[in-house]
């Protein structure tokens, strides 16, 4: 079973391929994506990496959390499920 990781404190210039290459050092990367603003396309400074197994994810956390990459100390942890977003109707009631 695959495991998804949160990767924070990324340099804004880091792209998906660089993130995938970095995490490939510890195992098979299923996917890697840097999160970007919709309007500008600029990186938000964090991303997600999906490793092919829990063991590889643990190894990635052990190796990369707190390590410097491109001059910044990475924050790597197990990704948490996204919080449910309020619908437009729910937000309208709060006005």
PDB file of N, CA and C in Angstrom:
ATOM      1  N   UNK A   1       0.833  -1.186   0.000  1.00  0.00           N
ATOM      2  CA  UNK A   1       0.000   0.000   0.000  1.00  0.00           C
ATOM      3  C   UNK A   1       0.877   1.250   0.000  1.00  0.00           C
ATOM      4  N   UNK A   2       0.500   2.233  -0.797  1.00  0.00           N
ATOM      5  CA  UNK A   2       1.307   3.445  -0.895  1.00  0.00           C
ATOM      6  C   UNK A   2       1.064   4.359   0.302  1.00  0.00           C
ATOM      7  N   UNK A   3       1.968   5.319   0.485  1.00  0.00           N
ATOM      8  CA  UNK A   3       1.876   6.267   1.586  1.00  0.00           C
ATOM      9  C   UNK A   3       2.196   7.660   1.068  1.00  0.00           C
ATOM     10  N   UNK A   4       1.389   8.628   1.459  1.00  0.00           N
ATOM     11  CA  UNK A   4       1.559   9.999   0.995  1.00  0.00           C
ATOM     12  C   UNK A   4       2.253  10.831   2.063  1.00  0.00           C
ATOM     13  N   UNK A   5       3.219  11.638   1.613  1.00  0.00           N
ATOM     14  CA  UNK A   5       3.999  12.483   2.500  1.00  0.00           C
ATOM     15  C   UNK A   5       3.777  13.955   2.181  1.00  0.00           C
ATOM     16  N   UNK A   6       3.805  14.770   3.213  1.00  0.00           N
ATOM     17  CA  UNK A   6       3.807  16.218   3.077  1.00  0.00           C
ATOM     18  C   UNK A   6       5.263  16.657   3.076  1.00  0.00           C
ATOM     19  N   UNK A   7       5.623  17.550   2.163  1.00  0.00           N
ATOM     20  CA  UNK A   7       6.984  18.090   2.095  1.00  0.00           C
ATOM     21  C   UNK A   7       6.878  19.611   2.126  1.00  0.00           C
ATOM     22  N   UNK A   8       7.357  20.210   3.214  1.00  0.00           N
ATOM     23  CA  UNK A   8       7.240  21.652   3.381  1.00  0.00           C
ATOM     24  C   UNK A   8       8.579  22.356   3.390  1.00  0.00           C
ATOM     25  N   UNK A   9       8.510  23.670   3.320  1.00  0.00           N
ATOM     26  CA  UNK A   9       9.662  24.571   3.307  1.00  0.00           C
ATOM     27  C   UNK A   9      10.508  24.399   2.043  1.00  0.00           C
ATOM     28  N   UNK A  10       9.822  24.138   0.938  1.00  0.00           N
ATOM     29  CA  UNK A  10      10.513  24.013  -0.349  1.00  0.00           C
ATOM     30  C   UNK A  10      10.858  25.387  -0.913  1.00  0.00           C
ATOM     31  N   UNK A  11      11.975  25.455  -1.571  1.00  0.00           N
ATOM     32  CA  UNK A  11      12.336  26.645  -2.332  1.00  0.00           C
ATOM     33  C   UNK A  11      11.279  26.815  -3.433  1.00  0.00           C
ATOM     34  N   UNK A  12      10.852  28.033  -3.714  1.00  0.00           N
ATOM     35  CA  UNK A  12       9.777  28.266  -4.679  1.00  0.00           C
ATOM     36  C   UNK A  12      10.117  27.777  -6.086  1.00  0.00           C
ATOM     37  N   UNK A  13      11.392  27.648  -6.397  1.00  0.00           N
ATOM     38  CA  UNK A  13      11.794  27.225  -7.742  1.00  0.00           C
ATOM     39  C   UNK A  13      11.778  25.708  -7.937  1.00  0.00           C
ATOM     40  N   UNK A  14      11.603  24.931  -6.873  1.00  0.00           N
ATOM     41  CA  UNK A  14      11.601  23.466  -6.986  1.00  0.00           C
ATOM     42  C   UNK A  14      10.364  23.027  -7.766  1.00  0.00           C
ATOM     43  N   UNK A  15      10.565  22.096  -8.715  1.00  0.00           N
ATOM     44  CA  UNK A  15       9.438  21.598  -9.506  1.00  0.00           C
ATOM     45  C   UNK A  15       9.149  20.123  -9.185  1.00  0.00           C
ATOM     46  N   UNK A  16       8.109  19.592  -9.801  1.00  0.00           N
ATOM     47  CA  UNK A  16       7.675  18.215  -9.551  1.00  0.00           C
ATOM     48  C   UNK A  16       8.786  17.198  -9.820  1.00  0.00           C
ATOM     49  N   UNK A  17       9.492  17.361 -10.928  1.00  0.00           N
ATOM     50  CA  UNK A  17      10.542  16.409 -11.297  1.00  0.00           C
ATOM     51  C   UNK A  17      11.690  16.411 -10.287  1.00  0.00           C
ATOM     52  N   UNK A  18      12.069  17.582  -9.806  1.00  0.00           N
ATOM     53  CA  UNK A  18      13.142  17.657  -8.807  1.00  0.00           C
ATOM     54  C   UNK A  18      12.720  16.973  -7.502  1.00  0.00           C
ATOM     55  N   UNK A  19      11.479  17.177  -7.119  1.00  0.00           N
ATOM     56  CA  UNK A  19      10.950  16.551  -5.910  1.00  0.00           C
ATOM     57  C   UNK A  19      10.943  15.029  -6.066  1.00  0.00           C
ATOM     58  N   UNK A  20      10.521  14.565  -7.224  1.00  0.00           N
ATOM     59  CA  UNK A  20      10.498  13.118  -7.491  1.00  0.00           C
ATOM     60  C   UNK A  20      11.914  12.544  -7.478  1.00  0.00           C
ATOM     61  N   UNK A  21      12.840  13.230  -8.113  1.00  0.00           N
ATOM     62  CA  UNK A  21      14.232  12.761  -8.146  1.00  0.00           C
ATOM     63  C   UNK A  21      14.822  12.668  -6.742  1.00  0.00           C
ATOM     64  N   UNK A  22      14.537  13.662  -5.903  1.00  0.00           N
ATOM     65  CA  UNK A  22      15.059  13.672  -4.545  1.00  0.00           C
ATOM     66  C   UNK A  22      14.554  12.464  -3.766  1.00  0.00           C
ATOM     67  N   UNK A  23      13.271  12.230  -3.778  1.00  0.00           N
ATOM     68  CA  UNK A  23      12.693  11.145  -2.990  1.00  0.00           C
ATOM     69  C   UNK A  23      12.947   9.767  -3.597  1.00  0.00           C
ATOM     70  N   UNK A  24      13.329   9.723  -4.855  1.00  0.00           N
ATOM     71  CA  UNK A  24      13.688   8.448  -5.489  1.00  0.00           C
ATOM     72  C   UNK A  24      14.937   7.840  -4.859  1.00  0.00           C
ATOM     73  N   UNK A  25      15.687   8.634  -4.112  1.00  0.00           N
ATOM     74  CA  UNK A  25      16.880   8.129  -3.429  1.00  0.00           C
ATOM     75  C   UNK A  25      16.539   7.064  -2.387  1.00  0.00           C
ATOM     76  N   UNK A  26      15.313   7.081  -1.864  1.00  0.00           N
ATOM     77  CA  UNK A  26      14.939   6.140  -0.800  1.00  0.00           C
ATOM     78  C   UNK A  26      13.921   5.094  -1.240  1.00  0.00           C
ATOM     79  N   UNK A  27      13.427   5.176  -2.474  1.00  0.00           N
ATOM     80  CA  UNK A  27      12.462   4.172  -2.919  1.00  0.00           C
ATOM     81  C   UNK A  27      11.699   4.610  -4.150  1.00  0.00           C
ATOM     82  N   UNK A  28      10.664   3.850  -4.435  1.00  0.00           N
ATOM     83  CA  UNK A  28       9.850   4.088  -5.622  1.00  0.00           C
ATOM     84  C   UNK A  28       8.826   5.190  -5.361  1.00  0.00           C
ATOM     85  N   UNK A  29       8.903   6.260  -6.143  1.00  0.00           N
ATOM     86  CA  UNK A  29       7.979   7.383  -6.011  1.00  0.00           C
ATOM     87  C   UNK A  29       6.823   7.167  -6.981  1.00  0.00           C
ATOM     88  N   UNK A  30       5.613   7.081  -6.440  1.00  0.00           N
ATOM     89  CA  UNK A  30       4.417   6.912  -7.261  1.00  0.00           C
ATOM     90  C   UNK A  30       4.041   8.243  -7.908  1.00  0.00           C
ATOM     91  N   UNK A  31       4.094   9.318  -7.116  1.00  0.00           N
ATOM     92  CA  UNK A  31       3.799  10.655  -7.642  1.00  0.00           C
ATOM     93  C   UNK A  31       4.475  11.709  -6.766  1.00  0.00           C
ATOM     94  N   UNK A  32       4.723  12.856  -7.366  1.00  0.00           N
ATOM     95  CA  UNK A  32       5.307  13.986  -6.644  1.00  0.00           C
ATOM     96  C   UNK A  32       4.738  15.262  -7.258  1.00  0.00           C
ATOM     97  N   UNK A  33       4.210  16.130  -6.407  1.00  0.00           N
ATOM     98  CA  UNK A  33       3.667  17.378  -6.941  1.00  0.00           C
ATOM     99  C   UNK A  33       3.896  18.532  -5.978  1.00  0.00           C
ATOM    100  N   UNK A  34       4.356  19.633  -6.553  1.00  0.00           N
ATOM    101  CA  UNK A  34       4.517  20.882  -5.826  1.00  0.00           C
ATOM    102  C   UNK A  34       3.190  21.619  -5.974  1.00  0.00           C
ATOM    103  N   UNK A  35       2.650  22.108  -4.877  1.00  0.00           N
ATOM    104  CA  UNK A  35       1.365  22.808  -4.898  1.00  0.00           C
ATOM    105  C   UNK A  35       1.586  24.258  -5.318  1.00  0.00           C
ATOM    106  N   UNK A  36       0.735  24.713  -6.234  1.00  0.00           N
ATOM    107  CA  UNK A  36       0.881  26.046  -6.819  1.00  0.00           C
ATOM    108  C   UNK A  36      -0.403  26.855  -6.694  1.00  0.00           C
ATOM    109  N   UNK A  37      -0.251  28.185  -6.679  1.00  0.00           N
ATOM    110  CA  UNK A  37      -1.401  29.074  -6.701  1.00  0.00           C
ATOM    111  C   UNK A  37      -2.071  28.969  -8.064  1.00  0.00           C
ATOM    112  N   UNK A  38      -3.396  28.951  -8.082  1.00  0.00           N
ATOM    113  CA  UNK A  38      -4.126  28.822  -9.349  1.00  0.00           C
ATOM    114  C   UNK A  38      -3.920  30.020 -10.271  1.00  0.00           C
ATOM    115  N   UNK A  39      -3.976  31.200  -9.695  1.00  0.00           N
ATOM    116  CA  UNK A  39      -3.932  32.397 -10.539  1.00  0.00           C
ATOM    117  C   UNK A  39      -2.553  32.697 -11.103  1.00  0.00           C
ATOM    118  N   UNK A  40      -1.505  32.512 -10.312  1.00  0.00           N
ATOM    119  CA  UNK A  40      -0.164  32.889 -10.770  1.00  0.00           C
ATOM    120  C   UNK A  40       0.693  31.696 -11.193  1.00  0.00           C
ATOM    121  N   UNK A  41       0.354  30.503 -10.722  1.00  0.00           N
ATOM    122  CA  UNK A  41       1.181  29.333 -11.014  1.00  0.00           C
ATOM    123  C   UNK A  41       2.428  29.257 -10.144  1.00  0.00           C
ATOM    124  N   UNK A  42       2.602  30.210  -9.239  1.00  0.00           N
ATOM    125  CA  UNK A  42       3.771  30.238  -8.348  1.00  0.00           C
ATOM    126  C   UNK A  42       3.627  29.174  -7.267  1.00  0.00           C
ATOM    127  N   UNK A  43       4.734  28.568  -6.909  1.00  0.00           N
ATOM    128  CA  UNK A  43       4.742  27.548  -5.876  1.00  0.00           C
ATOM    129  C   UNK A  43       4.308  28.123  -4.538  1.00  0.00           C
ATOM    130  N   UNK A  44       3.600  27.305  -3.750  1.00  0.00           N
ATOM    131  CA  UNK A  44       3.216  27.703  -2.390  1.00  0.00           C
ATOM    132  C   UNK A  44       4.286  27.296  -1.380  1.00  0.00           C
ATOM    133  N   UNK A  45       5.345  26.617  -1.850  1.00  0.00           N
ATOM    134  CA  UNK A  45       6.444  26.248  -0.956  1.00  0.00           C
ATOM    135  C   UNK A  45       6.262  24.901  -0.273  1.00  0.00           C
ATOM    136  N   UNK A  46       5.288  24.126  -0.731  1.00  0.00           N
ATOM    137  CA  UNK A  46       5.126  22.782  -0.200  1.00  0.00           C
ATOM    138  C   UNK A  46       4.571  21.867  -1.280  1.00  0.00           C
ATOM    139  N   UNK A  47       4.627  20.580  -1.009  1.00  0.00           N
ATOM    140  CA  UNK A  47       4.132  19.612  -1.977  1.00  0.00           C
ATOM    141  C   UNK A  47       3.837  18.280  -1.313  1.00  0.00           C
ATOM    142  N   UNK A  48       3.506  17.307  -2.143  1.00  0.00           N
ATOM    143  CA  UNK A  48       3.188  15.972  -1.665  1.00  0.00           C
ATOM    144  C   UNK A  48       3.922  14.945  -2.507  1.00  0.00           C
ATOM    145  N   UNK A  49       4.401  13.914  -1.826  1.00  0.00           N
ATOM    146  CA  UNK A  49       5.087  12.807  -2.501  1.00  0.00           C
ATOM    147  C   UNK A  49       4.404  11.526  -2.057  1.00  0.00           C
ATOM    148  N   UNK A  50       4.070  10.685  -3.011  1.00  0.00           N
ATOM    149  CA  UNK A  50       3.481   9.389  -2.698  1.00  0.00           C
ATOM    150  C   UNK A  50       4.519   8.314  -2.954  1.00  0.00           C
ATOM    151  N   UNK A  51       4.868   7.601  -1.893  1.00  0.00           N
ATOM    152  CA  UNK A  51       5.832   6.506  -1.989  1.00  0.00           C
ATOM    153  C   UNK A  51       5.054   5.203  -2.153  1.00  0.00           C
ATOM    154  N   UNK A  52       5.690   4.179  -2.747  1.00  0.00           N
ATOM    155  CA  UNK A  52       4.970   2.945  -3.043  1.00  0.00           C
ATOM    156  C   UNK A  52       4.707   2.070  -1.825  1.00  0.00           C
ATOM    157  N   UNK A  53       5.372   2.327  -0.691  1.00  0.00           N
ATOM    158  CA  UNK A  53       5.117   1.523   0.506  1.00  0.00           C
ATOM    159  C   UNK A  53       5.300   2.362   1.770  1.00  0.00           C
ATOM    160  N   UNK A  54       4.734   1.861   2.849  1.00  0.00           N
ATOM    161  CA  UNK A  54       4.873   2.519   4.152  1.00  0.00           C
ATOM    162  C   UNK A  54       6.341   2.553   4.591  1.00  0.00           C
ATOM    163  N   UNK A  55       7.070   1.476   4.304  1.00  0.00           N
ATOM    164  CA  UNK A  55       8.484   1.392   4.689  1.00  0.00           C
ATOM    165  C   UNK A  55       9.306   2.461   3.976  1.00  0.00           C
ATOM    166  N   UNK A  56       9.034   2.648   2.685  1.00  0.00           N
ATOM    167  CA  UNK A  56       9.760   3.678   1.932  1.00  0.00           C
ATOM    168  C   UNK A  56       9.398   5.078   2.435  1.00  0.00           C
ATOM    169  N   UNK A  57       8.138   5.269   2.804  1.00  0.00           N
ATOM    170  CA  UNK A  57       7.713   6.565   3.336  1.00  0.00           C
ATOM    171  C   UNK A  57       8.430   6.848   4.650  1.00  0.00           C
ATOM    172  N   UNK A  58       8.524   5.855   5.519  1.00  0.00           N
ATOM    173  CA  UNK A  58       9.224   6.014   6.802  1.00  0.00           C
ATOM    174  C   UNK A  58      10.699   6.345   6.562  1.00  0.00           C
ATOM    175  N   UNK A  59      11.306   5.648   5.600  1.00  0.00           N
ATOM    176  CA  UNK A  59      12.708   5.910   5.273  1.00  0.00           C
ATOM    177  C   UNK A  59      12.884   7.336   4.750  1.00  0.00           C
ATOM    178  N   UNK A  60      11.924   7.812   3.958  1.00  0.00           N
ATOM    179  CA  UNK A  60      11.994   9.179   3.423  1.00  0.00           C
ATOM    180  C   UNK A  60      11.881  10.208   4.544  1.00  0.00           C
ATOM    181  N   UNK A  61      10.984   9.971   5.490  1.00  0.00           N
ATOM    182  CA  UNK A  61      10.848  10.889   6.624  1.00  0.00           C
ATOM    183  C   UNK A  61      12.142  10.920   7.420  1.00  0.00           C
ATOM    184  N   UNK A  62      12.688   9.730   7.712  1.00  0.00           N
ATOM    185  CA  UNK A  62      13.935   9.645   8.480  1.00  0.00           C
ATOM    186  C   UNK A  62      15.086  10.352   7.778  1.00  0.00           C
ATOM    187  N   UNK A  63      15.163  10.196   6.457  1.00  0.00           N
ATOM    188  CA  UNK A  63      16.291  10.763   5.707  1.00  0.00           C
ATOM    189  C   UNK A  63      16.148  12.268   5.463  1.00  0.00           C
ATOM    190  N   UNK A  64      14.950  12.726   5.113  1.00  0.00           N
ATOM    191  CA  UNK A  64      14.799  14.098   4.624  1.00  0.00           C
ATOM    192  C   UNK A  64      14.243  15.107   5.620  1.00  0.00           C
ATOM    193  N   UNK A  65      13.532  14.689   6.650  1.00  0.00           N
ATOM    194  CA  UNK A  65      12.986  15.662   7.591  1.00  0.00           C
ATOM    195  C   UNK A  65      14.133  16.371   8.324  1.00  0.00           C
ATOM    196  N   UNK A  66      14.187  17.680   8.186  1.00  0.00           N
ATOM    197  CA  UNK A  66      15.240  18.479   8.814  1.00  0.00           C
ATOM    198  C   UNK A  66      16.507  18.600   7.983  1.00  0.00           C
ATOM    199  N   UNK A  67      16.585  17.886   6.864  1.00  0.00           N
ATOM    200  CA  UNK A  67      17.756  17.965   5.991  1.00  0.00           C
ATOM    201  C   UNK A  67      17.660  19.186   5.081  1.00  0.00           C
ATOM    202  N   UNK A  68      18.813  19.750   4.753  1.00  0.00           N
ATOM    203  CA  UNK A  68      18.835  20.886   3.835  1.00  0.00           C
ATOM    204  C   UNK A  68      18.726  20.414   2.396  1.00  0.00           C
ATOM    205  N   UNK A  69      17.912  21.138   1.632  1.00  0.00           N
ATOM    206  CA  UNK A  69      17.783  20.913   0.195  1.00  0.00           C
ATOM    207  C   UNK A  69      17.656  22.274  -0.457  1.00  0.00           C
ATOM    208  N   UNK A  70      18.575  22.582  -1.340  1.00  0.00           N
ATOM    209  CA  UNK A  70      18.597  23.877  -2.020  1.00  0.00           C
ATOM    210  C   UNK A  70      18.627  25.030  -1.006  1.00  0.00           C
ATOM    211  N   UNK A  71      19.345  24.818   0.107  1.00  0.00           N
ATOM    212  CA  UNK A  71      19.517  25.868   1.087  1.00  0.00           C
ATOM    213  C   UNK A  71      18.392  26.027   2.103  1.00  0.00           C
ATOM    214  N   UNK A  72      17.405  25.132   2.093  1.00  0.00           N
ATOM    215  CA  UNK A  72      16.285  25.206   3.033  1.00  0.00           C
ATOM    216  C   UNK A  72      16.140  23.870   3.758  1.00  0.00           C
ATOM    217  N   UNK A  73      15.804  23.928   5.047  1.00  0.00           N
ATOM    218  CA  UNK A  73      15.585  22.703   5.819  1.00  0.00           C
ATOM    219  C   UNK A  73      14.180  22.185   5.544  1.00  0.00           C
ATOM    220  N   UNK A  74      14.105  20.982   4.989  1.00  0.00           N
ATOM    221  CA  UNK A  74      12.823  20.394   4.648  1.00  0.00           C
ATOM    222  C   UNK A  74      12.045  19.964   5.888  1.00  0.00           C
ATOM    223  N   UNK A  75      10.733  20.021   5.767  1.00  0.00           N
ATOM    224  CA  UNK A  75       9.823  19.467   6.761  1.00  0.00           C
ATOM    225  C   UNK A  75       9.090  18.333   6.044  1.00  0.00           C
ATOM    226  N   UNK A  76       9.307  17.104   6.503  1.00  0.00           N
ATOM    227  CA  UNK A  76       8.693  15.941   5.857  1.00  0.00           C
ATOM    228  C   UNK A  76       7.935  15.157   6.914  1.00  0.00           C
ATOM    229  N   UNK A  77       6.666  14.902   6.633  1.00  0.00           N
ATOM    230  CA  UNK A  77       5.836  14.141   7.560  1.00  0.00           C
ATOM    231  C   UNK A  77       4.761  13.398   6.792  1.00  0.00           C
ATOM    232  N   UNK A  78       4.069  12.517   7.495  1.00  0.00           N
ATOM    233  CA  UNK A  78       2.957  11.806   6.873  1.00  0.00           C
ATOM    234  C   UNK A  78       1.868  12.829   6.565  1.00  0.00           C
ATOM    235  N   UNK A  79       1.321  12.759   5.366  1.00  0.00           N
ATOM    236  CA  UNK A  79       0.268  13.703   4.974  1.00  0.00           C
ATOM    237  C   UNK A  79      -1.019  13.378   5.713  1.00  0.00           C
ATOM    238  N   UNK A  80      -1.712  14.423   6.121  1.00  0.00           N
ATOM    239  CA  UNK A  80      -3.021  14.244   6.767  1.00  0.00           C
ATOM    240  C   UNK A  80      -4.111  14.390   5.720  1.00  0.00           C
ATOM    241  N   UNK A  81      -5.248  13.741   5.934  1.00  0.00           N
ATOM    242  CA  UNK A  81      -6.353  13.903   4.969  1.00  0.00           C
ATOM    243  C   UNK A  81      -6.814  15.355   4.921  1.00  0.00           C
ATOM    244  N   UNK A  82      -7.245  15.818   3.755  1.00  0.00           N
ATOM    245  CA  UNK A  82      -7.699  17.215   3.666  1.00  0.00           C
ATOM    246  C   UNK A  82      -8.955  17.431   4.502  1.00  0.00           C
ATOM    247  N   UNK A  83      -9.067  18.623   5.053  1.00  0.00           N
ATOM    248  CA  UNK A  83     -10.269  18.977   5.805  1.00  0.00           C
ATOM    249  C   UNK A  83     -11.400  19.196   4.811  1.00  0.00           C
ATOM    250  N   UNK A  84     -12.620  18.811   5.189  1.00  0.00           N
ATOM    251  CA  UNK A  84     -13.748  19.061   4.270  1.00  0.00           C
ATOM    252  C   UNK A  84     -13.945  20.565   4.087  1.00  0.00           C
ATOM    253  N   UNK A  85     -14.187  20.946   2.871  1.00  0.00           N
ATOM    254  CA  UNK A  85     -14.396  22.363   2.570  1.00  0.00           C
ATOM    255  C   UNK A  85     -15.869  22.686   2.701  1.00  0.00           C
ATOM    256  N   UNK A  86     -16.152  23.867   3.178  1.00  0.00           N
ATOM    257  CA  UNK A  86     -17.542  24.313   3.271  1.00  0.00           C
ATOM    258  C   UNK A  86     -18.060  24.633   1.885  1.00  0.00           C
ATOM    259  N   UNK A  87     -19.288  24.278   1.645  1.00  0.00           N
ATOM    260  CA  UNK A  87     -19.896  24.616   0.368  1.00  0.00           C
ATOM    261  C   UNK A  87     -20.230  26.102   0.350  1.00  0.00           C
ATOM    262  N   UNK A  88     -20.570  26.621  -0.805  1.00  0.00           N
ATOM    263  CA  UNK A  88     -20.932  28.028  -0.931  1.00  0.00           C
ATOM    264  C   UNK A  88     -22.133  28.345  -0.046  1.00  0.00           C
ATOM    265  N   UNK A  89     -23.105  27.440  -0.010  1.00  0.00           N
ATOM    266  CA  UNK A  89     -24.305  27.656   0.805  1.00  0.00           C
ATOM    267  C   UNK A  89     -23.951  27.761   2.278  1.00  0.00           C
ATOM    268  N   UNK A  90     -23.034  26.901   2.766  1.00  0.00           N
ATOM    269  CA  UNK A  90     -22.628  26.954   4.168  1.00  0.00           C
ATOM    270  C   UNK A  90     -21.957  28.285   4.491  1.00  0.00           C
ATOM    271  N   UNK A  91     -21.140  28.778   3.591  1.00  0.00           N
ATOM    272  CA  UNK A  91     -20.443  30.039   3.835  1.00  0.00           C
ATOM    273  C   UNK A  91     -21.422  31.213   3.807  1.00  0.00           C
ATOM    274  N   UNK A  92     -22.420  31.130   2.953  1.00  0.00           N
ATOM    275  CA  UNK A  92     -23.398  32.209   2.835  1.00  0.00           C
ATOM    276  C   UNK A  92     -24.190  32.404   4.115  1.00  0.00           C
ATOM    277  N   UNK A  93     -24.434  31.318   4.834  1.00  0.00           N
ATOM    278  CA  UNK A  93     -25.184  31.397   6.086  1.00  0.00           C
ATOM    279  C   UNK A  93     -24.424  32.167   7.151  1.00  0.00           C
ATOM    280  N   UNK A  94     -23.108  32.218   7.048  1.00  0.00           N
ATOM    281  CA  UNK A  94     -22.286  32.881   8.054  1.00  0.00           C
ATOM    282  C   UNK A  94     -22.122  34.380   7.798  1.00  0.00           C
ATOM    283  N   UNK A  95     -22.729  34.881   6.753  1.00  0.00           N
ATOM    284  CA  UNK A  95     -22.581  36.305   6.416  1.00  0.00           C
ATOM    285  C   UNK A  95     -23.585  37.134   7.183  1.00  0.00           C
TER     286      UNK A  95
END
